[in-house]
Amino acid sequence: MHIAAASSFRCHYRRPVPGQAPCALFVQVRARTADEAAERAAAAIGHQIDRVEPAPAAAAPITTPPTHQEA
């Protein structure tokens, strides 16, 4: 049996704001497929998911070069 690796997905949804336009938000989840990600996100937040997209790859960590102090 082959087990598919999980990938990160961003699940976008809108939250109503009284007297204003809805607030667009997303939750990032790990799942094997986009459909599974949408199901997990909807169950977790209790809102219908508008769209699902692959999450961008993690950026390389920002490192600061060491500073050399003169003796």
Protein backbone atom coordinates (compact mmCIF):
# COMPACT_ATOMS: atom_id res chain seq x y z
CA MET A 1 0.00 0.00 0.00
CA HIS A 2 1.29 3.46 -0.93
CA ILE A 3 0.72 6.27 1.56
CA ALA A 4 0.57 9.69 -0.04
CA ALA A 5 2.54 12.43 1.65
CA ALA A 6 0.56 15.30 3.12
CA SER A 7 0.92 18.77 1.62
CA SER A 8 0.03 22.19 2.96
CA PHE A 9 -3.08 23.91 1.60
CA ARG A 10 -4.58 27.33 2.26
CA CYS A 11 -8.35 27.19 2.66
CA HIS A 12 -9.95 30.61 2.12
CA TYR A 13 -13.26 31.66 3.66
CA ARG A 14 -15.20 34.83 4.47
CA ARG A 15 -16.37 35.85 7.92
CA PRO A 16 -19.30 38.25 8.20
CA VAL A 17 -18.67 41.58 9.92
CA PRO A 18 -21.80 43.47 11.02
CA GLY A 19 -22.25 46.67 9.01
CA GLN A 20 -19.19 46.02 6.83
CA ALA A 21 -18.02 43.85 3.97
CA PRO A 22 -17.08 40.28 4.94
CA CYS A 23 -13.53 39.76 6.16
CA ALA A 24 -11.50 37.41 3.92
CA LEU A 25 -9.41 34.93 5.92
CA PHE A 26 -7.59 31.66 5.37
CA VAL A 27 -6.51 28.71 7.44
CA GLN A 28 -3.55 26.55 6.45
CA VAL A 29 -3.89 22.79 6.92
CA ARG A 30 -1.94 19.69 5.93
CA ALA A 31 -3.78 17.04 3.95
CA ARG A 32 -3.26 14.56 1.12
CA THR A 33 -5.72 16.27 -1.27
CA ALA A 34 -7.37 19.68 -1.67
CA ASP A 35 -10.80 18.14 -0.97
CA GLU A 36 -9.55 16.62 2.27
CA ALA A 37 -8.01 19.97 3.24
CA ALA A 38 -11.34 21.75 2.64
CA GLU A 39 -13.21 19.18 4.74
CA ARG A 40 -10.73 19.46 7.61
CA ALA A 41 -10.75 23.27 7.54
CA ALA A 42 -14.56 23.49 7.39
CA ALA A 43 -14.87 21.09 10.33
CA ALA A 44 -12.27 23.01 12.35
CA ILE A 45 -13.60 26.54 11.84
CA GLY A 46 -17.29 25.87 11.27
CA HIS A 47 -17.44 27.90 8.04
CA GLN A 48 -17.89 26.93 4.42
CA ILE A 49 -14.63 27.07 2.47
CA ASP A 50 -14.66 29.29 -0.65
CA ARG A 51 -11.49 28.03 -2.30
CA VAL A 52 -8.41 25.91 -1.67
CA GLU A 53 -4.93 26.47 -3.05
CA PRO A 54 -1.52 24.93 -2.40
CA ALA A 55 0.38 26.84 0.26
CA PRO A 56 3.55 28.54 -0.93
CA ALA A 57 6.76 26.74 -0.13
CA ALA A 58 8.36 27.81 3.11
CA ALA A 59 10.90 30.53 2.56
CA ALA A 60 14.44 29.92 3.63
CA PRO A 61 15.02 31.17 7.15
CA ILE A 62 16.48 34.63 7.38
CA THR A 63 19.94 34.46 8.82
CA THR A 64 22.06 37.31 9.96
CA PRO A 65 25.76 37.00 9.19
CA PRO A 66 27.88 36.88 12.32
CA THR A 67 29.44 40.14 13.33
CA HIS A 68 33.11 40.17 14.10
CA GLN A 69 34.15 42.43 16.90
CA GLU A 70 37.71 43.67 16.91
CA ALA A 71 39.73 42.72 19.97
